[in-house]
ModelCIF file with pLDDT and N, C-alpha, C, O atoms, coordinates in Angstrom:
data_MODEL
#
_entry.id   MODEL 
#
_entity.id                         1 
_entity.type                       polymer 
_entity.pdbx_number_of_molecules   1 
#
_entity_poly.entity_id                      1 
_entity_poly.type                           'polypeptide(L)' 
_entity_poly.nstd_linkage                   no 
_entity_poly.nstd_monomer                   no 
_entity_poly.pdbx_seq_one_letter_code       QLVESGGGLVQAGGSLRLSCAASTRTFTGDALGWFRQAPGKER 
_entity_poly.pdbx_seq_one_letter_code_can   QLVESGGGLVQAGGSLRLSCAASTRTFTGDALGWFRQAPGKER 
_entity_poly.pdbx_strand_id                 A 
#
loop_
_entity_poly_seq.entity_id 
_entity_poly_seq.num 
_entity_poly_seq.mon_id 
_entity_poly_seq.hetero 
1 1  GLN n 
1 2  LEU n 
1 3  VAL n 
1 4  GLU n 
1 5  SER n 
1 6  GLY n 
1 7  GLY n 
1 8  GLY n 
1 9  LEU n 
1 10 VAL n 
1 11 GLN n 
1 12 ALA n 
1 13 GLY n 
1 14 GLY n 
1 15 SER n 
1 16 LEU n 
1 17 ARG n 
1 18 LEU n 
1 19 SER n 
1 20 CYS n 
1 21 ALA n 
1 22 ALA n 
1 23 SER n 
1 24 THR n 
1 25 ARG n 
1 26 THR n 
1 27 PHE n 
1 28 THR n 
1 29 GLY n 
1 30 ASP n 
1 31 ALA n 
1 32 LEU n 
1 33 GLY n 
1 34 TRP n 
1 35 PHE n 
1 36 ARG n 
1 37 GLN n 
1 38 ALA n 
1 39 PRO n 
1 40 GLY n 
1 41 LYS n 
1 42 GLU n 
1 43 ARG n 
#
_struct_asym.id          A 
_struct_asym.entity_id   1 
#
loop_
_ma_qa_metric.id 
_ma_qa_metric.mode 
_ma_qa_metric.name 
_ma_qa_metric.software_group_id 
_ma_qa_metric.type 
1 global pLDDT . pLDDT 
2 local  pLDDT . pLDDT 
#
_ma_qa_metric_global.metric_id      1 
_ma_qa_metric_global.metric_value   94.02 
_ma_qa_metric_global.model_id       1 
_ma_qa_metric_global.ordinal_id     1 
#
loop_
_ma_qa_metric_local.label_asym_id 
_ma_qa_metric_local.label_comp_id 
_ma_qa_metric_local.label_seq_id 
_ma_qa_metric_local.metric_id 
_ma_qa_metric_local.metric_value 
_ma_qa_metric_local.model_id 
_ma_qa_metric_local.ordinal_id 
A GLN 1  2 83.00 1 1  
A LEU 2  2 92.00 1 2  
A VAL 3  2 94.00 1 3  
A GLU 4  2 97.00 1 4  
A SER 5  2 97.00 1 5  
A GLY 6  2 98.00 1 6  
A GLY 7  2 97.00 1 7  
A GLY 8  2 98.00 1 8  
A LEU 9  2 98.00 1 9  
A VAL 10 2 98.00 1 10 
A GLN 11 2 98.00 1 11 
A ALA 12 2 98.00 1 12 
A GLY 13 2 98.00 1 13 
A GLY 14 2 98.00 1 14 
A SER 15 2 98.00 1 15 
A LEU 16 2 98.00 1 16 
A ARG 17 2 98.00 1 17 
A LEU 18 2 98.00 1 18 
A SER 19 2 98.00 1 19 
A CYS 20 2 97.00 1 20 
A ALA 21 2 94.00 1 21 
A ALA 22 2 87.00 1 22 
A SER 23 2 80.00 1 23 
A THR 24 2 77.00 1 24 
A ARG 25 2 79.00 1 25 
A THR 26 2 84.00 1 26 
A PHE 27 2 86.00 1 27 
A THR 28 2 87.00 1 28 
A GLY 29 2 88.00 1 29 
A ASP 30 2 93.00 1 30 
A ALA 31 2 96.00 1 31 
A LEU 32 2 97.00 1 32 
A GLY 33 2 98.00 1 33 
A TRP 34 2 98.00 1 34 
A PHE 35 2 98.00 1 35 
A ARG 36 2 98.00 1 36 
A GLN 37 2 98.00 1 37 
A ALA 38 2 96.00 1 38 
A PRO 39 2 92.00 1 39 
A GLY 40 2 95.00 1 40 
A LYS 41 2 97.00 1 41 
A GLU 42 2 97.00 1 42 
A ARG 43 2 97.00 1 43 
#
loop_
_atom_site.group_PDB 
_atom_site.id 
_atom_site.type_symbol 
_atom_site.label_atom_id 
_atom_site.label_alt_id 
_atom_site.label_comp_id 
_atom_site.label_asym_id 
_atom_site.label_entity_id 
_atom_site.label_seq_id 
_atom_site.pdbx_PDB_ins_code 
_atom_site.Cartn_x 
_atom_site.Cartn_y 
_atom_site.Cartn_z 
_atom_site.occupancy 
_atom_site.B_iso_or_equiv 
_atom_site.pdbx_formal_charge 
_atom_site.auth_seq_id 
_atom_site.auth_comp_id 
_atom_site.auth_asym_id 
_atom_site.auth_atom_id 
_atom_site.pdbx_PDB_model_num 
ATOM 1   N N  . GLN A 1 1  ? 111.675 70.138 110.209 1.00 83.00 ? 1  GLN A N  1 
ATOM 2   C CA . GLN A 1 1  ? 110.360 69.512 110.212 1.00 83.00 ? 1  GLN A CA 1 
ATOM 3   C C  . GLN A 1 1  ? 110.322 68.378 111.217 1.00 83.00 ? 1  GLN A C  1 
ATOM 4   O O  . GLN A 1 1  ? 111.163 67.479 111.193 1.00 83.00 ? 1  GLN A O  1 
ATOM 5   N N  . LEU A 1 2  ? 109.344 68.432 112.095 1.00 92.00 ? 2  LEU A N  1 
ATOM 6   C CA . LEU A 1 2  ? 109.075 67.339 113.012 1.00 92.00 ? 2  LEU A CA 1 
ATOM 7   C C  . LEU A 1 2  ? 107.775 66.694 112.561 1.00 92.00 ? 2  LEU A C  1 
ATOM 8   O O  . LEU A 1 2  ? 106.780 67.379 112.322 1.00 92.00 ? 2  LEU A O  1 
ATOM 9   N N  . VAL A 1 3  ? 107.791 65.382 112.447 1.00 94.00 ? 3  VAL A N  1 
ATOM 10  C CA . VAL A 1 3  ? 106.639 64.675 111.907 1.00 94.00 ? 3  VAL A CA 1 
ATOM 11  C C  . VAL A 1 3  ? 106.140 63.667 112.919 1.00 94.00 ? 3  VAL A C  1 
ATOM 12  O O  . VAL A 1 3  ? 106.854 62.746 113.315 1.00 94.00 ? 3  VAL A O  1 
ATOM 13  N N  . GLU A 1 4  ? 104.888 63.863 113.330 1.00 97.00 ? 4  GLU A N  1 
ATOM 14  C CA . GLU A 1 4  ? 104.260 62.949 114.282 1.00 97.00 ? 4  GLU A CA 1 
ATOM 15  C C  . GLU A 1 4  ? 103.442 61.897 113.547 1.00 97.00 ? 4  GLU A C  1 
ATOM 16  O O  . GLU A 1 4  ? 102.963 62.119 112.435 1.00 97.00 ? 4  GLU A O  1 
ATOM 17  N N  . SER A 1 5  ? 103.295 60.752 114.194 1.00 97.00 ? 5  SER A N  1 
ATOM 18  C CA . SER A 1 5  ? 102.454 59.686 113.664 1.00 97.00 ? 5  SER A CA 1 
ATOM 19  C C  . SER A 1 5  ? 101.920 58.863 114.819 1.00 97.00 ? 5  SER A C  1 
ATOM 20  O O  . SER A 1 5  ? 102.397 58.968 115.949 1.00 97.00 ? 5  SER A O  1 
ATOM 21  N N  . GLY A 1 6  ? 100.924 58.043 114.519 1.00 98.00 ? 6  GLY A N  1 
ATOM 22  C CA . GLY A 1 6  ? 100.400 57.126 115.522 1.00 98.00 ? 6  GLY A CA 1 
ATOM 23  C C  . GLY A 1 6  ? 99.068  57.507 116.127 1.00 98.00 ? 6  GLY A C  1 
ATOM 24  O O  . GLY A 1 6  ? 98.505  56.749 116.916 1.00 98.00 ? 6  GLY A O  1 
ATOM 25  N N  . GLY A 1 7  ? 98.554  58.676 115.767 1.00 97.00 ? 7  GLY A N  1 
ATOM 26  C CA . GLY A 1 7  ? 97.253  59.071 116.305 1.00 97.00 ? 7  GLY A CA 1 
ATOM 27  C C  . GLY A 1 7  ? 96.130  58.246 115.706 1.00 97.00 ? 7  GLY A C  1 
ATOM 28  O O  . GLY A 1 7  ? 96.337  57.457 114.784 1.00 97.00 ? 7  GLY A O  1 
ATOM 29  N N  . GLY A 1 8  ? 94.935  58.445 116.248 1.00 98.00 ? 8  GLY A N  1 
ATOM 30  C CA . GLY A 1 8  ? 93.780  57.719 115.732 1.00 98.00 ? 8  GLY A CA 1 
ATOM 31  C C  . GLY A 1 8  ? 92.620  57.759 116.696 1.00 98.00 ? 8  GLY A C  1 
ATOM 32  O O  . GLY A 1 8  ? 92.598  58.530 117.655 1.00 98.00 ? 8  GLY A O  1 
ATOM 33  N N  . LEU A 1 9  ? 91.653  56.899 116.409 1.00 98.00 ? 9  LEU A N  1 
ATOM 34  C CA . LEU A 1 9  ? 90.443  56.792 117.233 1.00 98.00 ? 9  LEU A CA 1 
ATOM 35  C C  . LEU A 1 9  ? 90.553  55.538 118.089 1.00 98.00 ? 9  LEU A C  1 
ATOM 36  O O  . LEU A 1 9  ? 90.860  54.457 117.586 1.00 98.00 ? 9  LEU A O  1 
ATOM 37  N N  . VAL A 1 10 ? 90.301  55.688 119.376 1.00 98.00 ? 10 VAL A N  1 
ATOM 38  C CA . VAL A 1 10 ? 90.395  54.565 120.297 1.00 98.00 ? 10 VAL A CA 1 
ATOM 39  C C  . VAL A 1 10 ? 89.303  54.700 121.350 1.00 98.00 ? 10 VAL A C  1 
ATOM 40  O O  . VAL A 1 10 ? 88.874  55.808 121.672 1.00 98.00 ? 10 VAL A O  1 
ATOM 41  N N  . GLN A 1 11 ? 88.862  53.583 121.876 1.00 98.00 ? 11 GLN A N  1 
ATOM 42  C CA . GLN A 1 11 ? 87.855  53.616 122.934 1.00 98.00 ? 11 GLN A CA 1 
ATOM 43  C C  . GLN A 1 11 ? 88.504  53.942 124.277 1.00 98.00 ? 11 GLN A C  1 
ATOM 44  O O  . GLN A 1 11 ? 89.692  53.693 124.484 1.00 98.00 ? 11 GLN A O  1 
ATOM 45  N N  . ALA A 1 12 ? 87.726  54.488 125.161 1.00 98.00 ? 12 ALA A N  1 
ATOM 46  C CA . ALA A 1 12 ? 88.219  54.771 126.507 1.00 98.00 ? 12 ALA A CA 1 
ATOM 47  C C  . ALA A 1 12 ? 88.795  53.498 127.118 1.00 98.00 ? 12 ALA A C  1 
ATOM 48  O O  . ALA A 1 12 ? 88.225  52.414 126.994 1.00 98.00 ? 12 ALA A O  1 
ATOM 49  N N  . GLY A 1 13 ? 89.936  53.659 127.779 1.00 98.00 ? 13 GLY A N  1 
ATOM 50  C CA . GLY A 1 13 ? 90.639  52.527 128.351 1.00 98.00 ? 13 GLY A CA 1 
ATOM 51  C C  . GLY A 1 13 ? 91.673  51.910 127.424 1.00 98.00 ? 13 GLY A C  1 
ATOM 52  O O  . GLY A 1 13 ? 92.469  51.070 127.844 1.00 98.00 ? 13 GLY A O  1 
ATOM 53  N N  . GLY A 1 14 ? 91.660  52.325 126.169 1.00 98.00 ? 14 GLY A N  1 
ATOM 54  C CA . GLY A 1 14 ? 92.599  51.788 125.204 1.00 98.00 ? 14 GLY A CA 1 
ATOM 55  C C  . GLY A 1 14 ? 93.943  52.486 125.238 1.00 98.00 ? 14 GLY A C  1 
ATOM 56  O O  . GLY A 1 14 ? 94.203  53.339 126.086 1.00 98.00 ? 14 GLY A O  1 
ATOM 57  N N  . SER A 1 15 ? 94.796  52.100 124.287 1.00 98.00 ? 15 SER A N  1 
ATOM 58  C CA . SER A 1 15 ? 96.162  52.611 124.233 1.00 98.00 ? 15 SER A CA 1 
ATOM 59  C C  . SER A 1 15 ? 96.511  53.065 122.827 1.00 98.00 ? 15 SER A C  1 
ATOM 60  O O  . SER A 1 15 ? 95.965  52.571 121.841 1.00 98.00 ? 15 SER A O  1 
ATOM 61  N N  . LEU A 1 16 ? 97.422  54.003 122.756 1.00 98.00 ? 16 LEU A N  1 
ATOM 62  C CA . LEU A 1 16 ? 98.029  54.435 121.506 1.00 98.00 ? 16 LEU A CA 1 
ATOM 63  C C  . LEU A 1 16 ? 99.489  54.757 121.769 1.00 98.00 ? 16 LEU A C  1 
ATOM 64  O O  . LEU A 1 16 ? 99.872  55.099 122.888 1.00 98.00 ? 16 LEU A O  1 
ATOM 65  N N  . ARG A 1 17 ? 100.293 54.643 120.729 1.00 98.00 ? 17 ARG A N  1 
ATOM 66  C CA . ARG A 1 17 ? 101.708 55.018 120.819 1.00 98.00 ? 17 ARG A CA 1 
ATOM 67  C C  . ARG A 1 17 ? 102.002 56.031 119.729 1.00 98.00 ? 17 ARG A C  1 
ATOM 68  O O  . ARG A 1 17 ? 101.906 55.728 118.540 1.00 98.00 ? 17 ARG A O  1 
ATOM 69  N N  . LEU A 1 18 ? 102.358 57.223 120.141 1.00 98.00 ? 18 LEU A N  1 
ATOM 70  C CA . LEU A 1 18 ? 102.722 58.267 119.203 1.00 98.00 ? 18 LEU A CA 1 
ATOM 71  C C  . LEU A 1 18 ? 104.224 58.268 118.970 1.00 98.00 ? 18 LEU A C  1 
ATOM 72  O O  . LEU A 1 18 ? 105.009 57.953 119.864 1.00 98.00 ? 18 LEU A O  1 
ATOM 73  N N  . SER A 1 19 ? 104.608 58.627 117.752 1.00 98.00 ? 19 SER A N  1 
ATOM 74  C CA . SER A 1 19 ? 106.015 58.750 117.401 1.00 98.00 ? 19 SER A CA 1 
ATOM 75  C C  . SER A 1 19 ? 106.260 60.118 116.791 1.00 98.00 ? 19 SER A C  1 
ATOM 76  O O  . SER A 1 19 ? 105.362 60.725 116.207 1.00 98.00 ? 19 SER A O  1 
ATOM 77  N N  . CYS A 1 20 ? 107.489 60.593 116.935 1.00 97.00 ? 20 CYS A N  1 
ATOM 78  C CA . CYS A 1 20 ? 107.874 61.864 116.326 1.00 97.00 ? 20 CYS A CA 1 
ATOM 79  C C  . CYS A 1 20 ? 109.315 61.758 115.866 1.00 97.00 ? 20 CYS A C  1 
ATOM 80  O O  . CYS A 1 20 ? 110.192 61.353 116.628 1.00 97.00 ? 20 CYS A O  1 
ATOM 81  N N  . ALA A 1 21 ? 109.555 62.123 114.614 1.00 94.00 ? 21 ALA A N  1 
ATOM 82  C CA . ALA A 1 21 ? 110.892 62.097 114.062 1.00 94.00 ? 21 ALA A CA 1 
ATOM 83  C C  . ALA A 1 21 ? 111.169 63.424 113.366 1.00 94.00 ? 21 ALA A C  1 
ATOM 84  O O  . ALA A 1 21 ? 110.255 64.088 112.878 1.00 94.00 ? 21 ALA A O  1 
ATOM 85  N N  . ALA A 1 22 ? 112.435 63.795 113.328 1.00 87.00 ? 22 ALA A N  1 
ATOM 86  C CA . ALA A 1 22 ? 112.839 65.009 112.630 1.00 87.00 ? 22 ALA A CA 1 
ATOM 87  C C  . ALA A 1 22 ? 113.304 64.645 111.237 1.00 87.00 ? 22 ALA A C  1 
ATOM 88  O O  . ALA A 1 22 ? 114.081 63.708 111.054 1.00 87.00 ? 22 ALA A O  1 
ATOM 89  N N  . SER A 1 23 ? 112.831 65.384 110.266 1.00 80.00 ? 23 SER A N  1 
ATOM 90  C CA . SER A 1 23 ? 113.164 65.038 108.884 1.00 80.00 ? 23 SER A CA 1 
ATOM 91  C C  . SER A 1 23 ? 114.388 65.770 108.358 1.00 80.00 ? 23 SER A C  1 
ATOM 92  O O  . SER A 1 23 ? 115.006 65.318 107.394 1.00 80.00 ? 23 SER A O  1 
ATOM 93  N N  . THR A 1 24 ? 114.753 66.892 108.973 1.00 77.00 ? 24 THR A N  1 
ATOM 94  C CA . THR A 1 24 ? 115.830 67.689 108.400 1.00 77.00 ? 24 THR A CA 1 
ATOM 95  C C  . THR A 1 24 ? 116.966 67.981 109.366 1.00 77.00 ? 24 THR A C  1 
ATOM 96  O O  . THR A 1 24 ? 117.930 68.655 109.001 1.00 77.00 ? 24 THR A O  1 
ATOM 97  N N  . ARG A 1 25 ? 116.868 67.488 110.584 1.00 79.00 ? 25 ARG A N  1 
ATOM 98  C CA . ARG A 1 25 ? 117.958 67.657 111.532 1.00 79.00 ? 25 ARG A CA 1 
ATOM 99  C C  . ARG A 1 25 ? 117.905 66.520 112.522 1.00 79.00 ? 25 ARG A C  1 
ATOM 100 O O  . ARG A 1 25 ? 116.908 65.800 112.580 1.00 79.00 ? 25 ARG A O  1 
ATOM 101 N N  . THR A 1 26 ? 118.951 66.343 113.298 1.00 84.00 ? 26 THR A N  1 
ATOM 102 C CA . THR A 1 26 ? 118.922 65.330 114.342 1.00 84.00 ? 26 THR A CA 1 
ATOM 103 C C  . THR A 1 26 ? 118.496 65.987 115.645 1.00 84.00 ? 26 THR A C  1 
ATOM 104 O O  . THR A 1 26 ? 118.516 67.211 115.778 1.00 84.00 ? 26 THR A O  1 
ATOM 105 N N  . PHE A 1 27 ? 118.115 65.161 116.594 1.00 86.00 ? 27 PHE A N  1 
ATOM 106 C CA . PHE A 1 27 ? 117.731 65.637 117.915 1.00 86.00 ? 27 PHE A CA 1 
ATOM 107 C C  . PHE A 1 27 ? 118.924 65.711 118.860 1.00 86.00 ? 27 PHE A C  1 
ATOM 108 O O  . PHE A 1 27 ? 118.749 65.782 120.076 1.00 86.00 ? 27 PHE A O  1 
ATOM 109 N N  . THR A 1 28 ? 120.126 65.694 118.312 1.00 87.00 ? 28 THR A N  1 
ATOM 110 C CA . THR A 1 28 ? 121.316 65.678 119.153 1.00 87.00 ? 28 THR A CA 1 
ATOM 111 C C  . THR A 1 28 ? 121.326 66.839 120.133 1.00 87.00 ? 28 THR A C  1 
ATOM 112 O O  . THR A 1 28 ? 121.323 68.004 119.735 1.00 87.00 ? 28 THR A O  1 
ATOM 113 N N  . GLY A 1 29 ? 121.339 66.506 121.423 1.00 88.00 ? 29 GLY A N  1 
ATOM 114 C CA . GLY A 1 29 ? 121.392 67.530 122.464 1.00 88.00 ? 29 GLY A CA 1 
ATOM 115 C C  . GLY A 1 29 ? 120.061 68.133 122.848 1.00 88.00 ? 29 GLY A C  1 
ATOM 116 O O  . GLY A 1 29 ? 119.982 68.869 123.832 1.00 88.00 ? 29 GLY A O  1 
ATOM 117 N N  . ASP A 1 30 ? 119.005 67.839 122.092 1.00 93.00 ? 30 ASP A N  1 
ATOM 118 C CA . ASP A 1 30 ? 117.706 68.472 122.339 1.00 93.00 ? 30 ASP A CA 1 
ATOM 119 C C  . ASP A 1 30 ? 116.939 67.764 123.447 1.00 93.00 ? 30 ASP A C  1 
ATOM 120 O O  . ASP A 1 30 ? 116.982 66.541 123.578 1.00 93.00 ? 30 ASP A O  1 
ATOM 121 N N  . ALA A 1 31 ? 116.233 68.569 124.243 1.00 96.00 ? 31 ALA A N  1 
ATOM 122 C CA . ALA A 1 31 ? 115.149 68.008 125.039 1.00 96.00 ? 31 ALA A CA 1 
ATOM 123 C C  . ALA A 1 31 ? 113.928 67.944 124.123 1.00 96.00 ? 31 ALA A C  1 
ATOM 124 O O  . ALA A 1 31 ? 113.768 68.777 123.230 1.00 96.00 ? 31 ALA A O  1 
ATOM 125 N N  . LEU A 1 32 ? 113.081 66.960 124.349 1.00 97.00 ? 32 LEU A N  1 
ATOM 126 C CA . LEU A 1 32 ? 111.904 66.770 123.497 1.00 97.00 ? 32 LEU A CA 1 
ATOM 127 C C  . LEU A 1 32 ? 110.653 66.730 124.349 1.00 97.00 ? 32 LEU A C  1 
ATOM 128 O O  . LEU A 1 32 ? 110.655 66.207 125.464 1.00 97.00 ? 32 LEU A O  1 
ATOM 129 N N  . GLY A 1 33 ? 109.600 67.282 123.815 1.00 98.00 ? 33 GLY A N  1 
ATOM 130 C CA . GLY A 1 33 ? 108.358 67.327 124.573 1.00 98.00 ? 33 GLY A CA 1 
ATOM 131 C C  . GLY A 1 33 ? 107.158 67.004 123.724 1.00 98.00 ? 33 GLY A C  1 
ATOM 132 O O  . GLY A 1 33 ? 107.196 67.088 122.496 1.00 98.00 ? 33 GLY A O  1 
ATOM 133 N N  . TRP A 1 34 ? 106.089 66.633 124.401 1.00 98.00 ? 34 TRP A N  1 
ATOM 134 C CA . TRP A 1 34 ? 104.787 66.444 123.777 1.00 98.00 ? 34 TRP A CA 1 
ATOM 135 C C  . TRP A 1 34 ? 103.815 67.431 124.417 1.00 98.00 ? 34 TRP A C  1 
ATOM 136 O O  . TRP A 1 34 ? 103.776 67.607 125.635 1.00 98.00 ? 34 TRP A O  1 
ATOM 137 N N  . PHE A 1 35 ? 103.048 68.056 123.560 1.00 98.00 ? 35 PHE A N  1 
ATOM 138 C CA . PHE A 1 35 ? 102.011 68.978 123.985 1.00 98.00 ? 35 PHE A CA 1 
ATOM 139 C C  . PHE A 1 35 ? 100.715 68.590 123.285 1.00 98.00 ? 35 PHE A C  1 
ATOM 140 O O  . PHE A 1 35 ? 100.733 67.852 122.300 1.00 98.00 ? 35 PHE A O  1 
ATOM 141 N N  . ARG A 1 36 ? 99.589  69.088 123.794 1.00 98.00 ? 36 ARG A N  1 
ATOM 142 C CA . ARG A 1 36 ? 98.318  68.789 123.145 1.00 98.00 ? 36 ARG A CA 1 
ATOM 143 C C  . ARG A 1 36 ? 97.406  69.997 123.204 1.00 98.00 ? 36 ARG A C  1 
ATOM 144 O O  . ARG A 1 36 ? 97.522  70.858 124.076 1.00 98.00 ? 36 ARG A O  1 
ATOM 145 N N  . GLN A 1 37 ? 96.493  70.030 122.244 1.00 98.00 ? 37 GLN A N  1 
ATOM 146 C CA . GLN A 1 37 ? 95.518  71.108 122.196 1.00 98.00 ? 37 GLN A CA 1 
ATOM 147 C C  . GLN A 1 37 ? 94.163  70.536 121.815 1.00 98.00 ? 37 GLN A C  1 
ATOM 148 O O  . GLN A 1 37 ? 93.988  69.973 120.734 1.00 98.00 ? 37 GLN A O  1 
ATOM 149 N N  . ALA A 1 38 ? 93.218  70.689 122.713 1.00 96.00 ? 38 ALA A N  1 
ATOM 150 C CA . ALA A 1 38 ? 91.851  70.245 122.470 1.00 96.00 ? 38 ALA A CA 1 
ATOM 151 C C  . ALA A 1 38 ? 91.054  71.401 121.868 1.00 96.00 ? 38 ALA A C  1 
ATOM 152 O O  . ALA A 1 38 ? 91.430  72.561 122.039 1.00 96.00 ? 38 ALA A O  1 
ATOM 153 N N  . PRO A 1 39 ? 89.978  71.107 121.178 1.00 92.00 ? 39 PRO A N  1 
ATOM 154 C CA . PRO A 1 39 ? 89.157  72.169 120.582 1.00 92.00 ? 39 PRO A CA 1 
ATOM 155 C C  . PRO A 1 39 ? 88.701  73.186 121.626 1.00 92.00 ? 39 PRO A C  1 
ATOM 156 O O  . PRO A 1 39 ? 88.163  72.822 122.671 1.00 92.00 ? 39 PRO A O  1 
ATOM 157 N N  . GLY A 1 40 ? 88.924  74.460 121.327 1.00 95.00 ? 40 GLY A N  1 
ATOM 158 C CA . GLY A 1 40 ? 88.487  75.517 122.218 1.00 95.00 ? 40 GLY A CA 1 
ATOM 159 C C  . GLY A 1 40 ? 89.354  75.730 123.443 1.00 95.00 ? 40 GLY A C  1 
ATOM 160 O O  . GLY A 1 40 ? 89.035  76.542 124.311 1.00 95.00 ? 40 GLY A O  1 
ATOM 161 N N  . LYS A 1 41 ? 90.459  74.988 123.506 1.00 97.00 ? 41 LYS A N  1 
ATOM 162 C CA . LYS A 1 41 ? 91.353  75.108 124.667 1.00 97.00 ? 41 LYS A CA 1 
ATOM 163 C C  . LYS A 1 41 ? 92.740  75.518 124.218 1.00 97.00 ? 41 LYS A C  1 
ATOM 164 O O  . LYS A 1 41 ? 93.093  75.407 123.044 1.00 97.00 ? 41 LYS A O  1 
ATOM 165 N N  . GLU A 1 42 ? 93.524  75.997 125.181 1.00 97.00 ? 42 GLU A N  1 
ATOM 166 C CA . GLU A 1 42 ? 94.896  76.367 124.885 1.00 97.00 ? 42 GLU A CA 1 
ATOM 167 C C  . GLU A 1 42 ? 95.781  75.129 124.839 1.00 97.00 ? 42 GLU A C  1 
ATOM 168 O O  . GLU A 1 42 ? 95.455  74.082 125.399 1.00 97.00 ? 42 GLU A O  1 
ATOM 169 N N  . ARG A 1 43 ? 96.896  75.278 124.162 1.00 97.00 ? 43 ARG A N  1 
ATOM 170 C CA . ARG A 1 43 ? 97.878  74.195 124.114 1.00 97.00 ? 43 ARG A CA 1 
ATOM 171 C C  . ARG A 1 43 ? 98.403  73.956 125.521 1.00 97.00 ? 43 ARG A C  1 
ATOM 172 O O  . ARG A 1 43 ? 99.247  73.084 125.726 1.00 97.00 ? 43 ARG A O  1 
#
């Protein structure tokens, strides 16, 4: 399980910091990535 946090509503020009942690394994040796999917669009 990977669990993300930190999302929310912000005005244009603002900032957010997202976090992601693994609950059942460590990230040892892993490359990590962020992806996004907007409504009606592909990831």
